[in-house]
Amino acid sequence: MERKHIDADAALREVARKNHITVEEVRKEIWLAIIAAMCDPDPAIQRVWREIPHAGDLLTPEDFITYIAKQCLPQ
């Protein structure tokens, strides 16, 4: 089976288009959800968040989308 390329920017644009909002509004909402979820004090939850790969100091919506999408692909 051919692996699909994961394009987080395209996903953000599609969500924005379907919801009649800007890409920045989508990014902001995802960012707020990430922040809220990362505040869970459970060590197991914190470990999962630390395991998500990201290039910079902070996890971005694009990092999160790419990670989750890859988890959905057949191994």
C-alpha atoms as a PDB file:
ATOM      1  CA  MET A   1       0.000   0.000   0.000  1.00  0.00           C
ATOM      2  CA  GLU A   2       1.348   3.420  -0.939  1.00  0.00           C
ATOM      3  CA  ARG A   3       1.866   5.819   1.943  1.00  0.00           C
ATOM      4  CA  LYS A   4       0.051   9.107   1.628  1.00  0.00           C
ATOM      5  CA  HIS A   5       1.916  12.352   2.144  1.00  0.00           C
ATOM      6  CA  ILE A   6       0.620  14.166   5.201  1.00  0.00           C
ATOM      7  CA  ASP A   7       0.138  17.853   4.507  1.00  0.00           C
ATOM      8  CA  ALA A   8      -0.914  19.586   7.719  1.00  0.00           C
ATOM      9  CA  ASP A   9      -1.200  22.953   5.975  1.00  0.00           C
ATOM     10  CA  ALA A  10      -3.657  21.488   3.479  1.00  0.00           C
ATOM     11  CA  ALA A  11      -5.647  19.996   6.353  1.00  0.00           C
ATOM     12  CA  LEU A  12      -5.805  23.380   8.083  1.00  0.00           C
ATOM     13  CA  ARG A  13      -6.960  25.058   4.856  1.00  0.00           C
ATOM     14  CA  GLU A  14      -9.649  22.418   4.334  1.00  0.00           C
ATOM     15  CA  VAL A  15     -10.999  22.785   7.886  1.00  0.00           C
ATOM     16  CA  ALA A  16     -11.025  26.557   7.470  1.00  0.00           C
ATOM     17  CA  ARG A  17     -12.848  26.297   4.139  1.00  0.00           C
ATOM     18  CA  LYS A  18     -15.465  23.894   5.476  1.00  0.00           C
ATOM     19  CA  ASN A  19     -16.112  26.083   8.521  1.00  0.00           C
ATOM     20  CA  HIS A  20     -15.977  29.434   6.706  1.00  0.00           C
ATOM     21  CA  ILE A  21     -13.201  30.745   8.924  1.00  0.00           C
ATOM     22  CA  THR A  22      -9.563  31.665   8.421  1.00  0.00           C
ATOM     23  CA  VAL A  23      -6.636  29.275   8.704  1.00  0.00           C
ATOM     24  CA  GLU A  24      -5.365  31.367  11.598  1.00  0.00           C
ATOM     25  CA  GLU A  25      -8.662  30.870  13.440  1.00  0.00           C
ATOM     26  CA  VAL A  26      -8.337  27.099  12.946  1.00  0.00           C
ATOM     27  CA  ARG A  27      -4.720  27.172  14.168  1.00  0.00           C
ATOM     28  CA  LYS A  28      -5.754  29.232  17.214  1.00  0.00           C
ATOM     29  CA  GLU A  29      -8.540  26.809  18.169  1.00  0.00           C
ATOM     30  CA  ILE A  30      -6.279  23.788  17.784  1.00  0.00           C
ATOM     31  CA  TRP A  31      -3.539  25.543  19.762  1.00  0.00           C
ATOM     32  CA  LEU A  32      -5.988  26.315  22.593  1.00  0.00           C
ATOM     33  CA  ALA A  33      -7.138  22.684  22.643  1.00  0.00           C
ATOM     34  CA  ILE A  34      -3.527  21.481  22.756  1.00  0.00           C
ATOM     35  CA  ILE A  35      -2.711  23.825  25.645  1.00  0.00           C
ATOM     36  CA  ALA A  36      -5.784  22.692  27.588  1.00  0.00           C
ATOM     37  CA  ALA A  37      -4.975  19.015  27.004  1.00  0.00           C
ATOM     38  CA  MET A  38      -1.317  19.464  27.946  1.00  0.00           C
ATOM     39  CA  CYS A  39      -2.369  20.821  31.346  1.00  0.00           C
ATOM     40  CA  ASP A  40      -3.550  17.373  32.452  1.00  0.00           C
ATOM     41  CA  PRO A  41      -1.324  16.458  35.419  1.00  0.00           C
ATOM     42  CA  ASP A  42      -1.546  12.690  34.820  1.00  0.00           C
ATOM     43  CA  PRO A  43       2.038  11.437  34.240  1.00  0.00           C
ATOM     44  CA  ALA A  44       0.894   9.001  31.543  1.00  0.00           C
ATOM     45  CA  ILE A  45      -0.796  11.819  29.629  1.00  0.00           C
ATOM     46  CA  GLN A  46       2.261  14.041  30.042  1.00  0.00           C
ATOM     47  CA  ARG A  47       4.460  11.246  28.655  1.00  0.00           C
ATOM     48  CA  VAL A  48       2.268  10.969  25.558  1.00  0.00           C
ATOM     49  CA  TRP A  49       2.558  14.707  24.928  1.00  0.00           C
ATOM     50  CA  ARG A  50       6.352  14.570  25.315  1.00  0.00           C
ATOM     51  CA  GLU A  51       6.549  11.738  22.779  1.00  0.00           C
ATOM     52  CA  ILE A  52       4.965  13.782  19.986  1.00  0.00           C
ATOM     53  CA  PRO A  53       7.808  14.889  17.705  1.00  0.00           C
ATOM     54  CA  HIS A  54       8.176  18.606  17.066  1.00  0.00           C
ATOM     55  CA  ALA A  55      10.942  20.722  15.595  1.00  0.00           C
ATOM     56  CA  GLY A  56      10.841  23.744  17.880  1.00  0.00           C
ATOM     57  CA  ASP A  57      10.413  24.345  21.584  1.00  0.00           C
ATOM     58  CA  LEU A  58       6.627  24.248  21.302  1.00  0.00           C
ATOM     59  CA  LEU A  59       4.317  21.717  19.717  1.00  0.00           C
ATOM     60  CA  THR A  60       2.475  23.370  16.822  1.00  0.00           C
ATOM     61  CA  PRO A  61      -0.934  22.511  15.382  1.00  0.00           C
ATOM     62  CA  GLU A  62       0.925  21.266  12.284  1.00  0.00           C
ATOM     63  CA  ASP A  63       3.103  18.977  14.417  1.00  0.00           C
ATOM     64  CA  PHE A  64       0.017  17.602  16.136  1.00  0.00           C
ATOM     65  CA  ILE A  65      -1.931  17.080  12.906  1.00  0.00           C
ATOM     66  CA  THR A  66       1.021  15.291  11.303  1.00  0.00           C
ATOM     67  CA  TYR A  67       1.517  13.054  14.344  1.00  0.00           C
ATOM     68  CA  ILE A  68      -2.148  12.101  14.638  1.00  0.00           C
ATOM     69  CA  ALA A  69      -2.489  11.506  10.904  1.00  0.00           C
ATOM     70  CA  LYS A  70       0.537   9.185  10.950  1.00  0.00           C
ATOM     71  CA  GLN A  71      -1.042   7.240  13.824  1.00  0.00           C
ATOM     72  CA  CYS A  72      -4.065   6.593  11.594  1.00  0.00           C
ATOM     73  CA  LEU A  73      -2.006   5.180   8.723  1.00  0.00           C
ATOM     74  CA  PRO A  74      -1.586   1.418   8.495  1.00  0.00           C
ATOM     75  CA  GLN A  75       1.798   0.350   9.804  1.00  0.00           C
END
